[in-house]
Amino acid sequence: MLETVASIETPTSTIEVLRADWPRPVELTWHDSRAVLTMLFRASDYEIQGRYPLGTAAKRLDRIGNVFFIPPNAELYGWGTGGEIRAVRCLFEPGFYERTVG
């Protein structure tokens, strides 16, 4: 699991600095009521793929880049080659997200 190294909270969002050393390979599922914007820092040979389980492409995994967005209440399934990874993520409170994005 990701370990929080540092975090800052405001009334509308939480910003976290994270790190992990995951087993090889690693699978995980992420779900949150908040919108999540993540920036990954990983080795160049660390491969990550993922998918949202809903829709016609539910079984196909696509490459996840170094910056990705997860909408509120969306479940993201991810697979990676494992190893050391660091990340910065912003979690936006649902009311703020709705007022800002619509």
PDB file of N, CA and C in Angstrom:
ATOM      1  N   MET A   1       0.839  -1.182   0.000  1.00  0.00           N
ATOM      2  CA  MET A   1       0.000   0.000   0.000  1.00  0.00           C
ATOM      3  C   MET A   1       0.880   1.240   0.000  1.00  0.00           C
ATOM      4  N   LEU A   2       0.321   2.330  -0.445  1.00  0.00           N
ATOM      5  CA  LEU A   2       1.051   3.596  -0.452  1.00  0.00           C
ATOM      6  C   LEU A   2       1.183   4.141   0.964  1.00  0.00           C
ATOM      7  N   GLU A   3       2.365   4.620   1.278  1.00  0.00           N
ATOM      8  CA  GLU A   3       2.631   5.241   2.567  1.00  0.00           C
ATOM      9  C   GLU A   3       2.640   6.750   2.383  1.00  0.00           C
ATOM     10  N   THR A   4       1.880   7.467   3.205  1.00  0.00           N
ATOM     11  CA  THR A   4       1.857   8.922   3.139  1.00  0.00           C
ATOM     12  C   THR A   4       3.089   9.472   3.849  1.00  0.00           C
ATOM     13  N   VAL A   5       3.910  10.211   3.100  1.00  0.00           N
ATOM     14  CA  VAL A   5       5.131  10.808   3.636  1.00  0.00           C
ATOM     15  C   VAL A   5       4.830  12.191   4.210  1.00  0.00           C
ATOM     16  N   ALA A   6       3.944  12.939   3.537  1.00  0.00           N
ATOM     17  CA  ALA A   6       3.548  14.271   3.982  1.00  0.00           C
ATOM     18  C   ALA A   6       2.181  14.582   3.398  1.00  0.00           C
ATOM     19  N   SER A   7       1.421  15.438   4.085  1.00  0.00           N
ATOM     20  CA  SER A   7       0.113  15.834   3.551  1.00  0.00           C
ATOM     21  C   SER A   7      -0.262  17.214   4.064  1.00  0.00           C
ATOM     22  N   ILE A   8      -1.069  17.869   3.263  1.00  0.00           N
ATOM     23  CA  ILE A   8      -1.620  19.182   3.599  1.00  0.00           C
ATOM     24  C   ILE A   8      -3.114  19.114   3.302  1.00  0.00           C
ATOM     25  N   GLU A   9      -3.926  19.595   4.226  1.00  0.00           N
ATOM     26  CA  GLU A   9      -5.374  19.605   4.015  1.00  0.00           C
ATOM     27  C   GLU A   9      -5.902  21.029   4.007  1.00  0.00           C
ATOM     28  N   THR A  10      -6.849  21.265   3.111  1.00  0.00           N
ATOM     29  CA  THR A  10      -7.583  22.520   3.071  1.00  0.00           C
ATOM     30  C   THR A  10      -9.071  22.149   3.139  1.00  0.00           C
ATOM     31  N   PRO A  11      -9.954  23.107   3.247  1.00  0.00           N
ATOM     32  CA  PRO A  11     -11.383  22.772   3.258  1.00  0.00           C
ATOM     33  C   PRO A  11     -11.857  22.109   1.956  1.00  0.00           C
ATOM     34  N   THR A  12     -11.135  22.288   0.861  1.00  0.00           N
ATOM     35  CA  THR A  12     -11.585  21.762  -0.432  1.00  0.00           C
ATOM     36  C   THR A  12     -10.761  20.608  -0.977  1.00  0.00           C
ATOM     37  N   SER A  13      -9.566  20.371  -0.416  1.00  0.00           N
ATOM     38  CA  SER A  13      -8.716  19.334  -0.996  1.00  0.00           C
ATOM     39  C   SER A  13      -7.666  18.851   0.003  1.00  0.00           C
ATOM     40  N   THR A  14      -7.083  17.711  -0.347  1.00  0.00           N
ATOM     41  CA  THR A  14      -5.957  17.158   0.403  1.00  0.00           C
ATOM     42  C   THR A  14      -4.846  16.874  -0.598  1.00  0.00           C
ATOM     43  N   ILE A  15      -3.648  17.297  -0.284  1.00  0.00           N
ATOM     44  CA  ILE A  15      -2.486  17.021  -1.130  1.00  0.00           C
ATOM     45  C   ILE A  15      -1.564  16.102  -0.338  1.00  0.00           C
ATOM     46  N   GLU A  16      -1.161  14.989  -0.971  1.00  0.00           N
ATOM     47  CA  GLU A  16      -0.340  13.996  -0.296  1.00  0.00           C
ATOM     48  C   GLU A  16       0.911  13.667  -1.107  1.00  0.00           C
ATOM     49  N   VAL A  17       2.015  13.475  -0.419  1.00  0.00           N
ATOM     50  CA  VAL A  17       3.233  12.927  -1.013  1.00  0.00           C
ATOM     51  C   VAL A  17       3.297  11.484  -0.523  1.00  0.00           C
ATOM     52  N   LEU A  18       3.462  10.548  -1.468  1.00  0.00           N
ATOM     53  CA  LEU A  18       3.361   9.120  -1.159  1.00  0.00           C
ATOM     54  C   LEU A  18       4.573   8.356  -1.656  1.00  0.00           C
ATOM     55  N   ARG A  19       4.785   7.183  -1.070  1.00  0.00           N
ATOM     56  CA  ARG A  19       5.817   6.287  -1.576  1.00  0.00           C
ATOM     57  C   ARG A  19       5.379   4.854  -1.304  1.00  0.00           C
ATOM     58  N   ALA A  20       5.946   3.939  -2.092  1.00  0.00           N
ATOM     59  CA  ALA A  20       5.675   2.515  -1.908  1.00  0.00           C
ATOM     60  C   ALA A  20       6.784   1.711  -2.555  1.00  0.00           C
ATOM     61  N   ASP A  21       6.965   0.521  -2.063  1.00  0.00           N
ATOM     62  CA  ASP A  21       7.825  -0.466  -2.710  1.00  0.00           C
ATOM     63  C   ASP A  21       6.957  -1.712  -2.833  1.00  0.00           C
ATOM     64  N   TRP A  22       6.289  -1.837  -3.968  1.00  0.00           N
ATOM     65  CA  TRP A  22       5.286  -2.866  -4.168  1.00  0.00           C
ATOM     66  C   TRP A  22       5.894  -4.178  -4.620  1.00  0.00           C
ATOM     67  N   PRO A  23       5.204  -5.276  -4.310  1.00  0.00           N
ATOM     68  CA  PRO A  23       5.667  -6.580  -4.793  1.00  0.00           C
ATOM     69  C   PRO A  23       5.659  -6.614  -6.314  1.00  0.00           C
ATOM     70  N   ARG A  24       6.302  -7.592  -6.872  1.00  0.00           N
ATOM     71  CA  ARG A  24       6.398  -7.706  -8.332  1.00  0.00           C
ATOM     72  C   ARG A  24       5.645  -8.927  -8.787  1.00  0.00           C
ATOM     73  N   PRO A  25       4.653  -8.824  -9.594  1.00  0.00           N
ATOM     74  CA  PRO A  25       3.891  -7.636  -9.989  1.00  0.00           C
ATOM     75  C   PRO A  25       2.887  -7.255  -8.903  1.00  0.00           C
ATOM     76  N   VAL A  26       2.176  -6.150  -9.126  1.00  0.00           N
ATOM     77  CA  VAL A  26       1.202  -5.666  -8.150  1.00  0.00           C
ATOM     78  C   VAL A  26      -0.127  -5.397  -8.848  1.00  0.00           C
ATOM     79  N   GLU A  27      -1.226  -5.696  -8.151  1.00  0.00           N
ATOM     80  CA  GLU A  27      -2.572  -5.382  -8.622  1.00  0.00           C
ATOM     81  C   GLU A  27      -3.271  -4.618  -7.507  1.00  0.00           C
ATOM     82  N   LEU A  28      -4.062  -3.629  -7.858  1.00  0.00           N
ATOM     83  CA  LEU A  28      -4.839  -2.921  -6.850  1.00  0.00           C
ATOM     84  C   LEU A  28      -6.077  -2.308  -7.475  1.00  0.00           C
ATOM     85  N   THR A  29      -7.039  -2.010  -6.619  1.00  0.00           N
ATOM     86  CA  THR A  29      -8.260  -1.328  -7.029  1.00  0.00           C
ATOM     87  C   THR A  29      -8.412  -0.097  -6.161  1.00  0.00           C
ATOM     88  N   TRP A  30      -8.734   1.030  -6.790  1.00  0.00           N
ATOM     89  CA  TRP A  30      -8.880   2.306  -6.080  1.00  0.00           C
ATOM     90  C   TRP A  30     -10.289   2.819  -6.282  1.00  0.00           C
ATOM     91  N   HIS A  31     -10.902   3.274  -5.197  1.00  0.00           N
ATOM     92  CA  HIS A  31     -12.225   3.902  -5.262  1.00  0.00           C
ATOM     93  C   HIS A  31     -12.278   4.971  -4.189  1.00  0.00           C
ATOM     94  N   ASP A  32     -12.786   6.141  -4.549  1.00  0.00           N
ATOM     95  CA  ASP A  32     -12.923   7.231  -3.590  1.00  0.00           C
ATOM     96  C   ASP A  32     -14.077   8.111  -4.040  1.00  0.00           C
ATOM     97  N   SER A  33     -14.766   8.725  -3.088  1.00  0.00           N
ATOM     98  CA  SER A  33     -15.855   9.640  -3.439  1.00  0.00           C
ATOM     99  C   SER A  33     -15.313  10.970  -3.950  1.00  0.00           C
ATOM    100  N   ARG A  34     -14.009  11.195  -3.767  1.00  0.00           N
ATOM    101  CA  ARG A  34     -13.386  12.432  -4.229  1.00  0.00           C
ATOM    102  C   ARG A  34     -12.737  12.222  -5.594  1.00  0.00           C
ATOM    103  N   ALA A  35     -12.637  13.300  -6.359  1.00  0.00           N
ATOM    104  CA  ALA A  35     -11.847  13.279  -7.596  1.00  0.00           C
ATOM    105  C   ALA A  35     -10.374  13.244  -7.190  1.00  0.00           C
ATOM    106  N   VAL A  36      -9.558  12.513  -7.960  1.00  0.00           N
ATOM    107  CA  VAL A  36      -8.150  12.342  -7.614  1.00  0.00           C
ATOM    108  C   VAL A  36      -7.281  12.656  -8.832  1.00  0.00           C
ATOM    109  N   LEU A  37      -6.323  13.539  -8.658  1.00  0.00           N
ATOM    110  CA  LEU A  37      -5.329  13.855  -9.683  1.00  0.00           C
ATOM    111  C   LEU A  37      -3.976  13.406  -9.132  1.00  0.00           C
ATOM    112  N   THR A  38      -3.289  12.518  -9.867  1.00  0.00           N
ATOM    113  CA  THR A  38      -2.054  11.915  -9.372  1.00  0.00           C
ATOM    114  C   THR A  38      -0.917  12.132 -10.358  1.00  0.00           C
ATOM    115  N   MET A  39       0.265  12.400  -9.812  1.00  0.00           N
ATOM    116  CA  MET A  39       1.499  12.460 -10.597  1.00  0.00           C
ATOM    117  C   MET A  39       2.448  11.413 -10.027  1.00  0.00           C
ATOM    118  N   LEU A  40       2.904  10.479 -10.884  1.00  0.00           N
ATOM    119  CA  LEU A  40       3.775   9.388 -10.466  1.00  0.00           C
ATOM    120  C   LEU A  40       5.234   9.672 -10.795  1.00  0.00           C
ATOM    121  N   PHE A  41       6.112   9.211  -9.941  1.00  0.00           N
ATOM    122  CA  PHE A  41       7.554   9.250 -10.166  1.00  0.00           C
ATOM    123  C   PHE A  41       8.024   7.808 -10.026  1.00  0.00           C
ATOM    124  N   ARG A  42       8.496   7.229 -11.126  1.00  0.00           N
ATOM    125  CA  ARG A  42       8.836   5.811 -11.139  1.00  0.00           C
ATOM    126  C   ARG A  42      10.005   5.564 -12.081  1.00  0.00           C
ATOM    127  N   ALA A  43      10.614   4.395 -11.947  1.00  0.00           N
ATOM    128  CA  ALA A  43      11.699   4.025 -12.844  1.00  0.00           C
ATOM    129  C   ALA A  43      11.170   3.911 -14.270  1.00  0.00           C
ATOM    130  N   SER A  44      12.033   4.140 -15.239  1.00  0.00           N
ATOM    131  CA  SER A  44      11.601   4.132 -16.643  1.00  0.00           C
ATOM    132  C   SER A  44      11.087   2.762 -17.090  1.00  0.00           C
ATOM    133  N   ASP A  45      11.517   1.695 -16.428  1.00  0.00           N
ATOM    134  CA  ASP A  45      11.036   0.365 -16.818  1.00  0.00           C
ATOM    135  C   ASP A  45       9.824  -0.094 -16.001  1.00  0.00           C
ATOM    136  N   TYR A  46       9.308   0.763 -15.129  1.00  0.00           N
ATOM    137  CA  TYR A  46       8.126   0.438 -14.326  1.00  0.00           C
ATOM    138  C   TYR A  46       6.896   0.669 -15.194  1.00  0.00           C
ATOM    139  N   GLU A  47       6.198  -0.386 -15.513  1.00  0.00           N
ATOM    140  CA  GLU A  47       5.020  -0.305 -16.384  1.00  0.00           C
ATOM    141  C   GLU A  47       3.753  -0.364 -15.544  1.00  0.00           C
ATOM    142  N   ILE A  48       2.803   0.508 -15.867  1.00  0.00           N
ATOM    143  CA  ILE A  48       1.519   0.524 -15.176  1.00  0.00           C
ATOM    144  C   ILE A  48       0.407   0.534 -16.222  1.00  0.00           C
ATOM    145  N   GLN A  49      -0.591  -0.300 -15.987  1.00  0.00           N
ATOM    146  CA  GLN A  49      -1.778  -0.347 -16.834  1.00  0.00           C
ATOM    147  C   GLN A  49      -3.008  -0.320 -15.936  1.00  0.00           C
ATOM    148  N   GLY A  50      -4.135   0.112 -16.503  1.00  0.00           N
ATOM    149  CA  GLY A  50      -5.343   0.156 -15.702  1.00  0.00           C
ATOM    150  C   GLY A  50      -6.584   0.237 -16.553  1.00  0.00           C
ATOM    151  N   ARG A  51      -7.723   0.201 -15.858  1.00  0.00           N
ATOM    152  CA  ARG A  51      -9.013   0.316 -16.523  1.00  0.00           C
ATOM    153  C   ARG A  51     -10.072   0.676 -15.494  1.00  0.00           C
ATOM    154  N   TYR A  52     -11.111   1.315 -15.988  1.00  0.00           N
ATOM    155  CA  TYR A  52     -12.331   1.497 -15.223  1.00  0.00           C
ATOM    156  C   TYR A  52     -13.216   0.304 -15.573  1.00  0.00           C
ATOM    157  N   PRO A  53     -13.759  -0.411 -14.599  1.00  0.00           N
ATOM    158  CA  PRO A  53     -14.485  -1.655 -14.896  1.00  0.00           C
ATOM    159  C   PRO A  53     -15.766  -1.474 -15.700  1.00  0.00           C
ATOM    160  N   LEU A  54     -16.296  -0.281 -15.777  1.00  0.00           N
ATOM    161  CA  LEU A  54     -17.558  -0.075 -16.486  1.00  0.00           C
ATOM    162  C   LEU A  54     -17.334   0.158 -17.972  1.00  0.00           C
ATOM    163  N   GLY A  55     -18.351  -0.095 -18.778  1.00  0.00           N
ATOM    164  CA  GLY A  55     -18.290   0.198 -20.207  1.00  0.00           C
ATOM    165  C   GLY A  55     -17.876  -0.995 -21.033  1.00  0.00           C
ATOM    166  N   THR A  56     -17.828  -0.788 -22.334  1.00  0.00           N
ATOM    167  CA  THR A  56     -17.557  -1.886 -23.257  1.00  0.00           C
ATOM    168  C   THR A  56     -16.109  -2.345 -23.223  1.00  0.00           C
ATOM    169  N   ALA A  57     -15.190  -1.499 -22.803  1.00  0.00           N
ATOM    170  CA  ALA A  57     -13.769  -1.867 -22.783  1.00  0.00           C
ATOM    171  C   ALA A  57     -13.341  -2.347 -21.392  1.00  0.00           C
ATOM    172  N   ALA A  58     -14.294  -2.875 -20.614  1.00  0.00           N
ATOM    173  CA  ALA A  58     -14.031  -3.217 -19.216  1.00  0.00           C
ATOM    174  C   ALA A  58     -12.919  -4.234 -19.035  1.00  0.00           C
ATOM    175  N   LYS A  59     -12.633  -5.061 -20.012  1.00  0.00           N
ATOM    176  CA  LYS A  59     -11.593  -6.080 -19.850  1.00  0.00           C
ATOM    177  C   LYS A  59     -10.244  -5.642 -20.390  1.00  0.00           C
ATOM    178  N   ARG A  60     -10.192  -4.551 -21.124  1.00  0.00           N
ATOM    179  CA  ARG A  60      -8.948  -4.110 -21.744  1.00  0.00           C
ATOM    180  C   ARG A  60      -8.177  -3.194 -20.782  1.00  0.00           C
ATOM    181  N   LEU A  61      -6.905  -3.486 -20.603  1.00  0.00           N
ATOM    182  CA  LEU A  61      -6.031  -2.621 -19.821  1.00  0.00           C
ATOM    183  C   LEU A  61      -5.334  -1.648 -20.758  1.00  0.00           C
ATOM    184  N   ASP A  62      -5.243  -0.395 -20.349  1.00  0.00           N
ATOM    185  CA  ASP A  62      -4.534   0.629 -21.112  1.00  0.00           C
ATOM    186  C   ASP A  62      -3.402   1.176 -20.261  1.00  0.00           C
ATOM    187  N   ARG A  63      -2.384   1.685 -20.933  1.00  0.00           N
ATOM    188  CA  ARG A  63      -1.225   2.271 -20.249  1.00  0.00           C
ATOM    189  C   ARG A  63      -1.677   3.474 -19.425  1.00  0.00           C
ATOM    190  N   ILE A  64      -1.159   3.573 -18.219  1.00  0.00           N
ATOM    191  CA  ILE A  64      -1.393   4.736 -17.367  1.00  0.00           C
ATOM    192  C   ILE A  64      -0.134   5.583 -17.403  1.00  0.00           C
ATOM    193  N   GLY A  65      -0.290   6.854 -17.688  1.00  0.00           N
ATOM    194  CA  GLY A  65       0.850   7.755 -17.777  1.00  0.00           C
ATOM    195  C   GLY A  65       1.315   8.229 -16.411  1.00  0.00           C
ATOM    196  N   ASN A  66       2.232   9.167 -16.418  1.00  0.00           N
ATOM    197  CA  ASN A  66       2.771   9.700 -15.168  1.00  0.00           C
ATOM    198  C   ASN A  66       1.800  10.636 -14.468  1.00  0.00           C
ATOM    199  N   VAL A  67       0.840  11.191 -15.209  1.00  0.00           N
ATOM    200  CA  VAL A  67      -0.196  12.038 -14.620  1.00  0.00           C
ATOM    201  C   VAL A  67      -1.538  11.475 -15.060  1.00  0.00           C
ATOM    202  N   PHE A  68      -2.419  11.217 -14.097  1.00  0.00           N
ATOM    203  CA  PHE A  68      -3.734  10.698 -14.453  1.00  0.00           C
ATOM    204  C   PHE A  68      -4.789  11.191 -13.470  1.00  0.00           C
ATOM    205  N   PHE A  69      -6.032  11.154 -13.948  1.00  0.00           N
ATOM    206  CA  PHE A  69      -7.182  11.659 -13.202  1.00  0.00           C
ATOM    207  C   PHE A  69      -8.181  10.533 -13.004  1.00  0.00           C
ATOM    208  N   ILE A  70      -8.715  10.438 -11.802  1.00  0.00           N
ATOM    209  CA  ILE A  70      -9.779   9.479 -11.509  1.00  0.00           C
ATOM    210  C   ILE A  70     -11.002  10.288 -11.081  1.00  0.00           C
ATOM    211  N   PRO A  71     -12.114  10.196 -11.827  1.00  0.00           N
ATOM    212  CA  PRO A  71     -13.328  10.933 -11.457  1.00  0.00           C
ATOM    213  C   PRO A  71     -13.863  10.447 -10.103  1.00  0.00           C
ATOM    214  N   PRO A  72     -14.691  11.271  -9.461  1.00  0.00           N
ATOM    215  CA  PRO A  72     -15.266  10.851  -8.186  1.00  0.00           C
ATOM    216  C   PRO A  72     -16.121   9.592  -8.367  1.00  0.00           C
ATOM    217  N   ASN A  73     -16.053   8.715  -7.393  1.00  0.00           N
ATOM    218  CA  ASN A  73     -16.827   7.472  -7.352  1.00  0.00           C
ATOM    219  C   ASN A  73     -16.520   6.504  -8.487  1.00  0.00           C
ATOM    220  N   ALA A  74     -15.447   6.704  -9.202  1.00  0.00           N
ATOM    221  CA  ALA A  74     -15.041   5.758 -10.248  1.00  0.00           C
ATOM    222  C   ALA A  74     -14.060   4.769  -9.638  1.00  0.00           C
ATOM    223  N   GLU A  75     -14.236   3.509  -9.967  1.00  0.00           N
ATOM    224  CA  GLU A  75     -13.315   2.488  -9.487  1.00  0.00           C
ATOM    225  C   GLU A  75     -12.259   2.260 -10.559  1.00  0.00           C
ATOM    226  N   LEU A  76     -10.998   2.336 -10.182  1.00  0.00           N
ATOM    227  CA  LEU A  76      -9.899   2.116 -11.110  1.00  0.00           C
ATOM    228  C   LEU A  76      -9.168   0.846 -10.702  1.00  0.00           C
ATOM    229  N   TYR A  77      -9.063  -0.095 -11.628  1.00  0.00           N
ATOM    230  CA  TYR A  77      -8.264  -1.301 -11.411  1.00  0.00           C
ATOM    231  C   TYR A  77      -6.911  -1.047 -12.047  1.00  0.00           C
ATOM    232  N   GLY A  78      -5.834  -1.344 -11.333  1.00  0.00           N
ATOM    233  CA  GLY A  78      -4.503  -1.126 -11.867  1.00  0.00           C
ATOM    234  C   GLY A  78      -3.604  -2.335 -11.708  1.00  0.00           C
ATOM    235  N   TRP A  79      -2.683  -2.479 -12.633  1.00  0.00           N
ATOM    236  CA  TRP A  79      -1.668  -3.528 -12.620  1.00  0.00           C
ATOM    237  C   TRP A  79      -0.329  -2.863 -12.908  1.00  0.00           C
ATOM    238  N   GLY A  80       0.716  -3.281 -12.201  1.00  0.00           N
ATOM    239  CA  GLY A  80       2.038  -2.735 -12.446  1.00  0.00           C
ATOM    240  C   GLY A  80       3.108  -3.785 -12.271  1.00  0.00           C
ATOM    241  N   THR A  81       4.284  -3.490 -12.817  1.00  0.00           N
ATOM    242  CA  THR A  81       5.391  -4.432 -12.730  1.00  0.00           C
ATOM    243  C   THR A  81       5.979  -4.488 -11.324  1.00  0.00           C
ATOM    244  N   GLY A  82       5.632  -3.547 -10.470  1.00  0.00           N
ATOM    245  CA  GLY A  82       6.092  -3.549  -9.090  1.00  0.00           C
ATOM    246  C   GLY A  82       7.423  -2.853  -8.927  1.00  0.00           C
ATOM    247  N   GLY A  83       7.776  -2.628  -7.680  1.00  0.00           N
ATOM    248  CA  GLY A  83       9.012  -1.934  -7.355  1.00  0.00           C
ATOM    249  C   GLY A  83       8.741  -0.616  -6.657  1.00  0.00           C
ATOM    250  N   GLU A  84       9.759   0.226  -6.603  1.00  0.00           N
ATOM    251  CA  GLU A  84       9.654   1.500  -5.893  1.00  0.00           C
ATOM    252  C   GLU A  84       8.902   2.523  -6.739  1.00  0.00           C
ATOM    253  N   ILE A  85       8.019   3.251  -6.081  1.00  0.00           N
ATOM    254  CA  ILE A  85       7.249   4.295  -6.747  1.00  0.00           C
ATOM    255  C   ILE A  85       7.011   5.426  -5.742  1.00  0.00           C
ATOM    256  N   ARG A  86       6.974   6.632  -6.258  1.00  0.00           N
ATOM    257  CA  ARG A  86       6.630   7.816  -5.460  1.00  0.00           C
ATOM    258  C   ARG A  86       5.533   8.555  -6.203  1.00  0.00           C
ATOM    259  N   ALA A  87       4.720   9.297  -5.460  1.00  0.00           N
ATOM    260  CA  ALA A  87       3.594   9.985  -6.096  1.00  0.00           C
ATOM    261  C   ALA A  87       3.223  11.224  -5.290  1.00  0.00           C
ATOM    262  N   VAL A  88       2.585  12.151  -5.985  1.00  0.00           N
ATOM    263  CA  VAL A  88       1.919  13.290  -5.367  1.00  0.00           C
ATOM    264  C   VAL A  88       0.488  13.235  -5.870  1.00  0.00           C
ATOM    265  N   ARG A  89      -0.465  13.299  -4.963  1.00  0.00           N
ATOM    266  CA  ARG A  89      -1.863  13.276  -5.412  1.00  0.00           C
ATOM    267  C   ARG A  89      -2.666  14.346  -4.700  1.00  0.00           C
ATOM    268  N   CYS A  90      -3.646  14.860  -5.425  1.00  0.00           N
ATOM    269  CA  CYS A  90      -4.602  15.828  -4.905  1.00  0.00           C
ATOM    270  C   CYS A  90      -5.970  15.168  -4.907  1.00  0.00           C
ATOM    271  N   LEU A  91      -6.623  15.181  -3.762  1.00  0.00           N
ATOM    272  CA  LEU A  91      -7.970  14.638  -3.626  1.00  0.00           C
ATOM    273  C   LEU A  91      -8.906  15.815  -3.395  1.00  0.00           C
ATOM    274  N   PHE A  92      -9.884  15.978  -4.271  1.00  0.00           N
ATOM    275  CA  PHE A  92     -10.778  17.132  -4.222  1.00  0.00           C
ATOM    276  C   PHE A  92     -12.117  16.740  -3.604  1.00  0.00           C
ATOM    277  N   GLU A  93     -12.553  17.490  -2.602  1.00  0.00           N
ATOM    278  CA  GLU A  93     -13.825  17.209  -1.948  1.00  0.00           C
ATOM    279  C   GLU A  93     -14.970  17.291  -2.972  1.00  0.00           C
ATOM    280  N   PRO A  94     -15.967  16.404  -2.844  1.00  0.00           N
ATOM    281  CA  PRO A  94     -17.035  16.325  -3.856  1.00  0.00           C
ATOM    282  C   PRO A  94     -17.753  17.654  -4.121  1.00  0.00           C
ATOM    283  N   GLY A  95     -18.085  18.409  -3.099  1.00  0.00           N
ATOM    284  CA  GLY A  95     -18.777  19.690  -3.293  1.00  0.00           C
ATOM    285  C   GLY A  95     -17.937  20.677  -4.072  1.00  0.00           C
ATOM    286  N   PHE A  96     -16.658  20.775  -3.767  1.00  0.00           N
ATOM    287  CA  PHE A  96     -15.740  21.664  -4.483  1.00  0.00           C
ATOM    288  C   PHE A  96     -15.609  21.229  -5.941  1.00  0.00           C
ATOM    289  N   TYR A  97     -15.468  19.938  -6.157  1.00  0.00           N
ATOM    290  CA  TYR A  97     -15.346  19.407  -7.516  1.00  0.00           C
ATOM    291  C   TYR A  97     -16.588  19.744  -8.326  1.00  0.00           C
ATOM    292  N   GLU A  98     -17.763  19.538  -7.773  1.00  0.00           N
ATOM    293  CA  GLU A  98     -19.022  19.836  -8.476  1.00  0.00           C
ATOM    294  C   GLU A  98     -19.137  21.317  -8.816  1.00  0.00           C
ATOM    295  N   ARG A  99     -18.823  22.178  -7.849  1.00  0.00           N
ATOM    296  CA  ARG A  99     -18.911  23.628  -8.089  1.00  0.00           C
ATOM    297  C   ARG A  99     -17.901  24.085  -9.132  1.00  0.00           C
ATOM    298  N   THR A 100     -16.724  23.467  -9.165  1.00  0.00           N
ATOM    299  CA  THR A 100     -15.664  23.885 -10.050  1.00  0.00           C
ATOM    300  C   THR A 100     -15.798  23.307 -11.463  1.00  0.00           C
ATOM    301  N   VAL A 101     -16.064  22.010 -11.546  1.00  0.00           N
ATOM    302  CA  VAL A 101     -16.099  21.324 -12.834  1.00  0.00           C
ATOM    303  C   VAL A 101     -17.524  21.191 -13.374  1.00  0.00           C
ATOM    304  N   GLY A 102     -18.480  21.032 -12.478  1.00  0.00           N
ATOM    305  CA  GLY A 102     -19.893  20.890 -12.911  1.00  0.00           C
ATOM    306  C   GLY A 102     -20.292  19.474 -13.156  1.00  0.00           C
TER     307      GLY A 102
END
